[in-house]
Amino acid sequence: MSSTTSRQRGSSQRRTTASAPRSGGTSRSTPAARRPPSKPAPKPAARRRRRPGWLLPLAVLGVVAVVGWALYPAVQLQYQTSRRVGSLEQQYDTLRSRNNKLRQEVSAMGTAAGVEDLARNNLGLGKPNETVFVVVPSGSSTSGSKPATSAPPARSMIQSFLDAVFGVTASADATHAP
């Protein structure tokens, strides 16, 4: 047998395949050595995975919308309750400080000096043989005056926005004011 090179074998294959195909086999028009490298053919059983594209953000948005819609009443109730608790705590602090002030006044009136001070300042009384001058500022009335009430605290933009979203009104915060 003579030794042949791969070139010679390729050329002989080319000649043989170009002529007549063998029975039961397939013929190739180009030899394997000269064929450009090609990508392997995809397997028929495995399909290509497509990118979700615009469906994934739409699905996430839909899930967020449904969860938000389902939880809105609970979050609304919680927000309204927290606002009410904050308002009541503020009223409690105001009443507690007023109560402490009244306790101090009562304890001061229990002494002789406290009674004398009350009689001089509030009633305009004086000691015997003493002349009392009462100076009344112009434009003010001497009748019972209302105690000063504290102004409602300023609300932030976020709190105003949340109040609008959850339906909290300013009059709801001011209920049961002292």
Protein backbone atom coordinates (compact mmCIF):
# COMPACT_ATOMS: atom_id res chain seq x y z
CA MET A 1 0.00 0.00 0.00
CA SER A 2 1.32 3.41 -0.78
CA SER A 3 1.41 6.21 1.72
CA THR A 4 -0.87 9.12 0.96
CA THR A 5 -1.17 12.49 2.57
CA SER A 6 -4.31 14.03 3.87
CA ARG A 7 -4.47 16.25 0.80
CA GLN A 8 -4.35 13.34 -1.47
CA ARG A 9 -7.01 11.57 0.55
CA GLY A 10 -9.22 14.64 0.46
CA SER A 11 -8.89 14.94 -3.27
CA SER A 12 -9.70 11.28 -3.74
CA GLN A 13 -12.72 11.67 -1.54
CA ARG A 14 -13.79 14.61 -3.55
CA ARG A 15 -13.59 12.64 -6.67
CA THR A 16 -15.41 9.69 -5.26
CA THR A 17 -18.14 11.68 -3.60
CA ALA A 18 -18.73 13.90 -6.57
CA SER A 19 -19.26 10.96 -8.86
CA ALA A 20 -21.79 8.54 -7.57
CA PRO A 21 -23.16 8.29 -4.07
CA ARG A 22 -22.83 5.03 -2.30
CA SER A 23 -25.93 3.08 -1.63
CA GLY A 24 -27.59 3.87 1.70
CA GLY A 25 -25.28 6.77 2.43
CA THR A 26 -25.31 10.49 1.85
CA SER A 27 -22.89 12.35 -0.28
CA ARG A 28 -21.00 15.41 0.79
CA SER A 29 -20.09 18.08 -1.66
CA THR A 30 -17.18 19.53 0.35
CA PRO A 31 -14.55 17.67 2.26
CA ALA A 32 -14.40 17.99 6.06
CA ALA A 33 -10.95 19.62 5.92
CA ARG A 34 -12.15 22.54 3.78
CA ARG A 35 -15.53 23.12 5.40
CA PRO A 36 -15.67 26.31 7.51
CA PRO A 37 -16.32 25.76 11.21
CA SER A 38 -20.02 25.97 11.90
CA LYS A 39 -22.08 26.28 15.06
CA PRO A 40 -23.54 23.08 16.33
CA ALA A 41 -27.17 22.66 15.39
CA PRO A 42 -29.60 23.23 18.24
CA LYS A 43 -30.99 20.14 19.82
CA PRO A 44 -34.57 19.52 18.80
CA ALA A 45 -35.65 18.66 22.36
CA ALA A 46 -34.23 21.81 23.98
CA ARG A 47 -35.99 25.04 23.05
CA ARG A 48 -34.46 28.45 23.28
CA ARG A 49 -35.54 30.49 26.28
CA ARG A 50 -36.98 33.80 25.24
CA ARG A 51 -36.38 36.92 27.24
CA PRO A 52 -39.48 38.11 29.07
CA GLY A 53 -39.02 41.60 27.56
CA TRP A 54 -41.87 43.89 28.59
CA LEU A 55 -43.90 41.17 30.29
CA LEU A 56 -41.80 40.97 33.45
CA PRO A 57 -42.12 44.66 34.46
CA LEU A 58 -45.81 44.55 33.62
CA ALA A 59 -46.30 41.46 35.79
CA VAL A 60 -44.38 43.05 38.69
CA LEU A 61 -46.44 46.23 38.37
CA GLY A 62 -49.64 44.18 38.37
CA VAL A 63 -48.64 42.28 41.51
CA VAL A 64 -47.70 45.53 43.28
CA ALA A 65 -51.03 47.09 42.29
CA VAL A 66 -53.05 44.13 43.56
CA VAL A 67 -51.13 43.98 46.85
CA GLY A 68 -51.49 47.75 47.30
CA TRP A 69 -55.21 47.59 46.59
CA ALA A 70 -55.64 44.75 49.06
CA LEU A 71 -53.61 46.41 51.84
CA TYR A 72 -54.90 50.00 51.42
CA PRO A 73 -57.73 49.74 53.99
CA ALA A 74 -55.41 48.31 56.66
CA VAL A 75 -52.71 50.91 56.00
CA GLN A 76 -55.34 53.68 55.98
CA LEU A 77 -56.70 52.57 59.35
CA GLN A 78 -53.20 52.32 60.81
CA TYR A 79 -52.29 55.82 59.59
CA GLN A 80 -55.50 57.35 60.89
CA THR A 81 -54.99 55.64 64.24
CA SER A 82 -51.39 56.82 64.52
CA ARG A 83 -52.46 60.40 63.76
CA ARG A 84 -55.21 60.16 66.36
CA VAL A 85 -52.78 58.76 68.94
CA GLY A 86 -50.34 61.59 68.22
CA SER A 87 -53.09 64.16 68.66
CA LEU A 88 -54.25 62.56 71.91
CA GLU A 89 -50.68 62.41 73.25
CA GLN A 90 -50.28 66.11 72.53
CA GLN A 91 -53.56 66.86 74.33
CA TYR A 92 -52.45 64.68 77.25
CA ASP A 93 -49.15 66.57 77.55
CA THR A 94 -51.01 69.90 77.51
CA LEU A 95 -53.47 68.75 80.15
CA ARG A 96 -50.72 67.28 82.31
CA SER A 97 -48.75 70.56 82.30
CA ARG A 98 -51.94 72.52 83.06
CA ASN A 99 -52.76 70.11 85.90
CA ASN A 100 -49.26 70.53 87.37
CA LYS A 101 -49.63 74.31 87.19
CA LEU A 102 -53.01 74.16 88.97
CA ARG A 103 -51.56 71.90 91.68
CA GLN A 104 -48.79 74.43 92.31
CA GLU A 105 -51.37 77.24 92.57
CA VAL A 106 -53.47 75.23 95.02
CA SER A 107 -50.47 74.42 97.19
CA ALA A 108 -49.44 78.11 97.11
CA MET A 109 -52.95 79.19 98.21
CA GLY A 110 -52.68 76.95 101.23
CA THR A 111 -50.21 79.36 102.82
CA ALA A 112 -50.91 82.83 104.22
CA ALA A 113 -48.56 84.46 101.70
CA GLY A 114 -50.37 82.74 98.83
CA VAL A 115 -53.78 83.94 100.01
CA GLU A 116 -52.47 87.51 100.37
CA ASP A 117 -50.92 87.41 96.90
CA LEU A 118 -54.16 86.10 95.38
CA ALA A 119 -56.19 88.82 97.14
CA ARG A 120 -53.86 91.59 95.95
CA ASN A 121 -53.37 90.47 92.35
CA ASN A 122 -56.73 88.99 91.40
CA LEU A 123 -59.21 90.79 93.64
CA GLY A 124 -57.52 94.18 94.05
CA LEU A 125 -57.65 94.06 97.86
CA GLY A 126 -55.07 95.58 100.19
CA LYS A 127 -54.13 95.69 103.85
CA PRO A 128 -55.96 98.06 106.18
CA ASN A 129 -54.89 101.73 105.80
CA GLU A 130 -53.34 100.88 102.39
CA THR A 131 -54.32 102.59 99.14
CA VAL A 132 -54.56 100.25 96.15
CA PHE A 133 -54.18 101.48 92.58
CA VAL A 134 -55.34 99.21 89.77
CA VAL A 135 -53.85 99.92 86.34
CA VAL A 136 -55.92 98.61 83.44
CA PRO A 137 -54.29 98.53 79.99
CA SER A 138 -56.31 100.28 77.29
CA GLY A 139 -58.29 98.05 74.95
CA SER A 140 -58.45 95.06 77.26
CA SER A 141 -61.51 93.97 79.10
CA THR A 142 -61.54 93.08 82.78
CA SER A 143 -64.17 90.40 82.29
CA GLY A 144 -63.18 86.74 82.29
CA SER A 145 -60.71 86.07 79.57
CA LYS A 146 -60.17 82.78 77.77
CA PRO A 147 -56.97 80.95 78.43
CA ALA A 148 -54.64 80.93 75.47
CA THR A 149 -54.93 77.77 73.42
CA SER A 150 -51.97 76.35 71.62
CA ALA A 151 -51.99 76.56 67.85
CA PRO A 152 -51.96 73.29 65.93
CA PRO A 153 -48.46 72.23 64.94
CA ALA A 154 -47.32 72.95 61.40
CA ARG A 155 -47.67 69.97 59.09
CA SER A 156 -44.95 68.90 56.70
CA MET A 157 -45.58 68.37 52.98
CA ILE A 158 -45.29 64.62 53.38
CA GLN A 159 -47.80 64.60 56.21
CA SER A 160 -50.18 66.78 54.17
CA PHE A 161 -49.83 64.37 51.23
CA LEU A 162 -50.46 61.31 53.42
CA ASP A 163 -53.44 63.05 55.01
CA ALA A 164 -54.92 63.58 51.55
CA VAL A 165 -54.21 59.98 50.47
CA PHE A 166 -55.65 58.40 53.62
CA GLY A 167 -58.51 60.85 54.15
CA VAL A 168 -57.42 62.45 57.44
CA THR A 169 -58.87 65.91 58.00
CA ALA A 170 -57.62 68.65 60.32
CA SER A 171 -60.94 68.69 62.17
CA ALA A 172 -60.46 65.01 63.09
CA ASP A 173 -57.19 65.90 64.82
CA ALA A 174 -58.76 68.78 66.74
CA THR A 175 -61.60 66.74 68.29
CA HIS A 176 -61.70 66.58 72.07
CA ALA A 177 -59.54 69.66 72.43
CA PRO A 178 -59.39 71.03 76.01
